[in-house]
Amino acid sequence: MDSPLESLWDEICVQIQFEQSMFWDFYLDYIQAIIAQEVKKLDAPTTQAIWLQTDAADEFLFRHEEYEEDGDPDEALEWLCDEDDITNYILNNYVLSKAADWTNAKIEKYLG
């Protein structure tokens, strides 16, 4: 079968908008690996700022409202910030949510 889809992005958009193929786990792992590589390049304040937007940070702050760290609060954030949490946050809130809304002529033709 000839597919009008020409890019990985088109494939991801179709699978989010229509139906996930048997390759979905591969695509998801690939995207996560790319995001994780970029997260590793971030400086500590940026990493912390993103982590504070994650569900993990919300949960931690909710459970530890009275949490007070002796010493530097930035050091506390450094050990709390989990790169997997950040990667999943970016994946779900930016990449996959954008894929759910993205379209072009190739995607429309495929889904049409």
N, C-alpha and C. Protein backbone atom coordinates (compact mmCIF):
# COMPACT_ATOMS: atom_id res chain seq x y z
N MET A 1 0.84 -1.17 0.00
CA MET A 1 0.00 0.00 0.00
C MET A 1 0.88 1.24 0.00
N ASP A 2 0.64 2.14 -0.92
CA ASP A 2 1.36 3.40 -0.96
C ASP A 2 0.75 4.35 0.06
N SER A 3 1.61 4.96 0.86
CA SER A 3 1.14 5.89 1.87
C SER A 3 1.51 7.31 1.46
N PRO A 4 0.59 8.25 1.61
CA PRO A 4 0.92 9.64 1.31
C PRO A 4 1.77 10.27 2.42
N LEU A 5 1.94 9.56 3.52
CA LEU A 5 2.72 10.11 4.63
C LEU A 5 4.19 10.01 4.32
N GLU A 6 4.89 11.11 4.51
CA GLU A 6 6.30 11.13 4.13
C GLU A 6 7.26 11.35 5.30
N SER A 7 6.72 11.61 6.48
CA SER A 7 7.62 11.89 7.59
C SER A 7 7.16 11.18 8.85
N LEU A 8 8.07 11.06 9.78
CA LEU A 8 7.75 10.48 11.07
C LEU A 8 6.69 11.32 11.77
N TRP A 9 6.79 12.63 11.64
CA TRP A 9 5.80 13.51 12.25
C TRP A 9 4.40 13.22 11.71
N ASP A 10 4.26 13.06 10.40
CA ASP A 10 2.96 12.71 9.82
C ASP A 10 2.44 11.40 10.41
N GLU A 11 3.32 10.40 10.54
CA GLU A 11 2.93 9.11 11.11
C GLU A 11 2.42 9.27 12.54
N ILE A 12 3.14 10.03 13.32
CA ILE A 12 2.76 10.24 14.71
C ILE A 12 1.41 10.95 14.79
N CYS A 13 1.22 11.97 13.98
CA CYS A 13 -0.05 12.71 13.97
C CYS A 13 -1.21 11.79 13.61
N VAL A 14 -1.03 10.97 12.60
CA VAL A 14 -2.09 10.04 12.19
C VAL A 14 -2.39 9.05 13.31
N GLN A 15 -1.36 8.55 13.95
CA GLN A 15 -1.59 7.55 14.99
C GLN A 15 -2.24 8.16 16.23
N ILE A 16 -1.96 9.39 16.52
CA ILE A 16 -2.63 10.06 17.63
C ILE A 16 -4.08 10.37 17.27
N GLN A 17 -4.30 10.81 16.04
CA GLN A 17 -5.62 11.25 15.62
C GLN A 17 -6.55 10.11 15.22
N PHE A 18 -5.97 8.99 14.81
CA PHE A 18 -6.80 7.90 14.29
C PHE A 18 -6.60 6.60 15.06
N GLU A 19 -5.50 5.94 14.81
CA GLU A 19 -5.29 4.63 15.41
C GLU A 19 -3.80 4.34 15.52
N GLN A 20 -3.40 3.81 16.65
CA GLN A 20 -1.99 3.49 16.84
C GLN A 20 -1.66 2.17 16.17
N SER A 21 -0.53 2.16 15.46
CA SER A 21 -0.09 0.95 14.78
C SER A 21 0.71 0.07 15.73
N MET A 22 1.12 -1.07 15.23
CA MET A 22 1.94 -1.98 16.03
C MET A 22 3.33 -1.38 16.29
N PHE A 23 3.67 -0.31 15.57
CA PHE A 23 4.97 0.35 15.75
C PHE A 23 4.89 1.50 16.74
N TRP A 24 3.73 1.74 17.35
CA TRP A 24 3.55 2.91 18.21
C TRP A 24 4.57 2.96 19.34
N ASP A 25 4.84 1.85 20.00
CA ASP A 25 5.80 1.85 21.10
C ASP A 25 7.19 2.27 20.62
N PHE A 26 7.56 1.83 19.43
CA PHE A 26 8.85 2.25 18.85
C PHE A 26 8.87 3.76 18.65
N TYR A 27 7.81 4.32 18.05
CA TYR A 27 7.73 5.76 17.83
C TYR A 27 7.81 6.52 19.15
N LEU A 28 7.08 6.04 20.14
CA LEU A 28 7.06 6.70 21.43
C LEU A 28 8.44 6.67 22.09
N ASP A 29 9.10 5.52 22.04
CA ASP A 29 10.46 5.41 22.59
C ASP A 29 11.42 6.34 21.87
N TYR A 30 11.27 6.44 20.56
CA TYR A 30 12.15 7.30 19.75
C TYR A 30 11.96 8.77 20.14
N ILE A 31 10.72 9.18 20.25
CA ILE A 31 10.43 10.57 20.62
C ILE A 31 10.97 10.87 22.02
N GLN A 32 10.72 9.95 22.95
CA GLN A 32 11.21 10.14 24.31
C GLN A 32 12.73 10.24 24.36
N ALA A 33 13.42 9.45 23.55
CA ALA A 33 14.88 9.50 23.52
C ALA A 33 15.37 10.85 23.02
N ILE A 34 14.71 11.38 22.01
CA ILE A 34 15.10 12.69 21.49
C ILE A 34 14.88 13.77 22.54
N ILE A 35 13.72 13.74 23.18
CA ILE A 35 13.42 14.74 24.21
C ILE A 35 14.43 14.61 25.36
N ALA A 36 14.71 13.38 25.79
CA ALA A 36 15.64 13.16 26.90
C ALA A 36 17.03 13.72 26.58
N GLN A 37 17.48 13.57 25.34
CA GLN A 37 18.78 14.13 24.94
C GLN A 37 18.78 15.64 25.10
N GLU A 38 17.68 16.28 24.72
CA GLU A 38 17.60 17.74 24.81
C GLU A 38 17.48 18.19 26.27
N VAL A 39 16.77 17.43 27.08
CA VAL A 39 16.62 17.77 28.50
C VAL A 39 17.99 17.75 29.18
N LYS A 40 18.82 16.78 28.84
CA LYS A 40 20.16 16.68 29.44
C LYS A 40 21.01 17.92 29.14
N LYS A 41 20.72 18.64 28.09
CA LYS A 41 21.48 19.83 27.71
C LYS A 41 21.06 21.09 28.47
N LEU A 42 19.93 21.02 29.19
CA LEU A 42 19.41 22.20 29.87
C LEU A 42 20.20 22.52 31.12
N ASP A 43 20.25 23.80 31.44
CA ASP A 43 20.90 24.20 32.69
C ASP A 43 19.95 23.92 33.86
N ALA A 44 20.49 23.95 35.07
CA ALA A 44 19.71 23.59 36.25
C ALA A 44 18.46 24.46 36.44
N PRO A 45 18.55 25.79 36.31
CA PRO A 45 17.33 26.59 36.50
C PRO A 45 16.23 26.26 35.50
N THR A 46 16.58 25.98 34.27
CA THR A 46 15.58 25.63 33.26
C THR A 46 14.97 24.27 33.56
N THR A 47 15.82 23.31 33.93
CA THR A 47 15.34 21.98 34.29
C THR A 47 14.37 22.07 35.47
N GLN A 48 14.74 22.84 36.46
CA GLN A 48 13.90 23.00 37.64
C GLN A 48 12.57 23.67 37.28
N ALA A 49 12.63 24.68 36.45
CA ALA A 49 11.41 25.39 36.06
C ALA A 49 10.44 24.46 35.33
N ILE A 50 10.97 23.61 34.48
CA ILE A 50 10.10 22.67 33.76
C ILE A 50 9.58 21.62 34.72
N TRP A 51 10.46 21.07 35.57
CA TRP A 51 10.02 20.05 36.51
C TRP A 51 8.90 20.55 37.41
N LEU A 52 8.98 21.81 37.82
CA LEU A 52 7.95 22.37 38.70
C LEU A 52 6.57 22.42 38.04
N GLN A 53 6.51 22.22 36.73
CA GLN A 53 5.23 22.18 36.02
C GLN A 53 4.67 20.76 35.89
N THR A 54 5.44 19.77 36.31
CA THR A 54 5.03 18.38 36.13
C THR A 54 4.06 17.92 37.22
N ASP A 55 3.37 16.83 36.94
CA ASP A 55 2.50 16.22 37.94
C ASP A 55 3.32 15.74 39.14
N ALA A 56 4.52 15.28 38.90
CA ALA A 56 5.37 14.80 39.99
C ALA A 56 5.67 15.94 40.96
N ALA A 57 5.93 17.12 40.45
CA ALA A 57 6.19 18.27 41.31
C ALA A 57 4.93 18.65 42.08
N ASP A 58 3.79 18.66 41.40
CA ASP A 58 2.53 18.96 42.07
C ASP A 58 2.28 17.98 43.22
N GLU A 59 2.49 16.71 42.93
CA GLU A 59 2.28 15.69 43.95
C GLU A 59 3.23 15.87 45.12
N PHE A 60 4.50 16.13 44.81
CA PHE A 60 5.48 16.32 45.87
C PHE A 60 5.11 17.53 46.73
N LEU A 61 4.79 18.63 46.07
CA LEU A 61 4.47 19.85 46.82
C LEU A 61 3.19 19.69 47.63
N PHE A 62 2.23 18.94 47.10
CA PHE A 62 0.99 18.69 47.83
C PHE A 62 1.26 17.86 49.08
N ARG A 63 2.08 16.85 48.93
CA ARG A 63 2.37 15.95 50.06
C ARG A 63 3.31 16.57 51.07
N HIS A 64 4.07 17.56 50.63
CA HIS A 64 5.09 18.15 51.50
C HIS A 64 4.90 19.66 51.59
N GLU A 65 3.69 20.10 51.88
CA GLU A 65 3.44 21.53 51.96
C GLU A 65 4.32 22.21 52.99
N GLU A 66 4.62 21.49 54.03
CA GLU A 66 5.44 22.07 55.09
C GLU A 66 6.91 21.71 54.92
N TYR A 67 7.26 21.23 53.75
CA TYR A 67 8.63 20.79 53.47
C TYR A 67 9.58 21.98 53.55
N GLU A 68 10.59 21.83 54.37
CA GLU A 68 11.63 22.86 54.45
C GLU A 68 12.97 22.14 54.41
N GLU A 69 13.79 22.56 53.49
CA GLU A 69 15.11 21.96 53.32
C GLU A 69 16.13 22.81 54.06
N ASP A 70 16.92 22.17 54.92
CA ASP A 70 18.04 22.89 55.52
C ASP A 70 19.08 23.09 54.44
N GLY A 71 19.51 24.30 54.27
CA GLY A 71 20.51 24.58 53.25
C GLY A 71 19.90 25.26 52.05
N ASP A 72 20.53 25.08 50.91
CA ASP A 72 20.18 25.76 49.66
C ASP A 72 18.95 25.12 49.01
N PRO A 73 17.86 25.90 48.81
CA PRO A 73 16.68 25.33 48.16
C PRO A 73 16.94 24.87 46.73
N ASP A 74 17.91 25.49 46.06
CA ASP A 74 18.25 25.04 44.70
C ASP A 74 18.82 23.64 44.70
N GLU A 75 19.58 23.30 45.75
CA GLU A 75 20.12 21.95 45.86
C GLU A 75 18.99 20.94 46.05
N ALA A 76 17.99 21.32 46.83
CA ALA A 76 16.85 20.42 47.02
C ALA A 76 16.15 20.17 45.69
N LEU A 77 15.98 21.22 44.89
CA LEU A 77 15.32 21.05 43.59
C LEU A 77 16.15 20.18 42.66
N GLU A 78 17.47 20.28 42.76
CA GLU A 78 18.32 19.48 41.88
C GLU A 78 18.10 17.99 42.10
N TRP A 79 17.96 17.55 43.35
CA TRP A 79 17.75 16.12 43.56
C TRP A 79 16.31 15.71 43.37
N LEU A 80 15.39 16.66 43.43
CA LEU A 80 13.99 16.34 43.19
C LEU A 80 13.67 16.23 41.70
N CYS A 81 14.34 17.03 40.90
CA CYS A 81 14.05 17.08 39.47
C CYS A 81 14.43 15.76 38.81
N ASP A 82 13.45 15.12 38.24
CA ASP A 82 13.66 13.84 37.57
C ASP A 82 13.54 14.07 36.07
N GLU A 83 14.58 13.71 35.34
CA GLU A 83 14.57 13.93 33.89
C GLU A 83 13.47 13.14 33.21
N ASP A 84 13.11 11.98 33.73
CA ASP A 84 12.00 11.21 33.15
C ASP A 84 10.68 11.96 33.30
N ASP A 85 10.48 12.58 34.47
CA ASP A 85 9.28 13.39 34.67
C ASP A 85 9.21 14.53 33.66
N ILE A 86 10.34 15.16 33.44
CA ILE A 86 10.41 16.29 32.50
C ILE A 86 10.17 15.80 31.08
N THR A 87 10.81 14.70 30.72
CA THR A 87 10.64 14.14 29.38
C THR A 87 9.18 13.79 29.12
N ASN A 88 8.55 13.12 30.07
CA ASN A 88 7.15 12.74 29.89
C ASN A 88 6.23 13.96 29.85
N TYR A 89 6.55 14.98 30.63
CA TYR A 89 5.77 16.22 30.63
C TYR A 89 5.82 16.86 29.24
N ILE A 90 7.02 16.99 28.69
CA ILE A 90 7.17 17.59 27.36
C ILE A 90 6.50 16.73 26.30
N LEU A 91 6.69 15.43 26.39
CA LEU A 91 6.07 14.50 25.44
C LEU A 91 4.56 14.68 25.41
N ASN A 92 3.94 14.61 26.56
CA ASN A 92 2.48 14.62 26.62
C ASN A 92 1.87 16.00 26.43
N ASN A 93 2.48 17.02 27.01
CA ASN A 93 1.88 18.34 26.99
C ASN A 93 2.25 19.18 25.78
N TYR A 94 3.26 18.77 25.08
CA TYR A 94 3.68 19.55 23.91
C TYR A 94 3.68 18.71 22.64
N VAL A 95 4.43 17.63 22.60
CA VAL A 95 4.58 16.87 21.37
C VAL A 95 3.28 16.16 20.99
N LEU A 96 2.77 15.32 21.88
CA LEU A 96 1.58 14.54 21.53
C LEU A 96 0.33 15.42 21.45
N SER A 97 0.24 16.43 22.28
CA SER A 97 -0.93 17.32 22.18
C SER A 97 -0.90 18.12 20.89
N LYS A 98 0.28 18.49 20.44
CA LYS A 98 0.40 19.18 19.15
C LYS A 98 0.06 18.22 18.02
N ALA A 99 0.50 16.98 18.12
CA ALA A 99 0.21 15.98 17.09
C ALA A 99 -1.29 15.73 16.97
N ALA A 100 -2.01 15.85 18.07
CA ALA A 100 -3.46 15.63 18.04
C ALA A 100 -4.18 16.70 17.22
N ASP A 101 -3.58 17.87 17.13
CA ASP A 101 -4.22 18.99 16.43
C ASP A 101 -3.59 19.30 15.07
N TRP A 102 -2.44 18.73 14.78
CA TRP A 102 -1.70 19.06 13.57
C TRP A 102 -2.30 18.37 12.34
N THR A 103 -2.35 19.08 11.25
CA THR A 103 -2.78 18.47 10.00
C THR A 103 -2.07 19.14 8.84
N ASN A 104 -2.06 18.44 7.74
CA ASN A 104 -1.56 18.96 6.47
C ASN A 104 -2.24 18.14 5.38
N ALA A 105 -1.94 18.44 4.16
CA ALA A 105 -2.62 17.77 3.04
C ALA A 105 -2.38 16.27 3.06
N LYS A 106 -1.18 15.84 3.40
CA LYS A 106 -0.85 14.41 3.43
C LYS A 106 -1.65 13.68 4.51
N ILE A 107 -1.73 14.30 5.66
CA ILE A 107 -2.50 13.69 6.76
C ILE A 107 -3.97 13.64 6.41
N GLU A 108 -4.48 14.73 5.88
CA GLU A 108 -5.91 14.76 5.48
C GLU A 108 -6.21 13.71 4.44
N LYS A 109 -5.31 13.54 3.46
CA LYS A 109 -5.51 12.54 2.42
C LYS A 109 -5.52 11.13 3.04
N TYR A 110 -4.59 10.89 3.94
CA TYR A 110 -4.49 9.57 4.57
C TYR A 110 -5.72 9.27 5.40
N LEU A 111 -6.18 10.25 6.17
CA LEU A 111 -7.33 10.05 7.05
C LEU A 111 -8.65 10.14 6.32
N GLY A 112 -8.61 10.77 5.13
CA GLY A 112 -9.84 10.99 4.36
C GLY A 112 -10.41 9.74 3.86
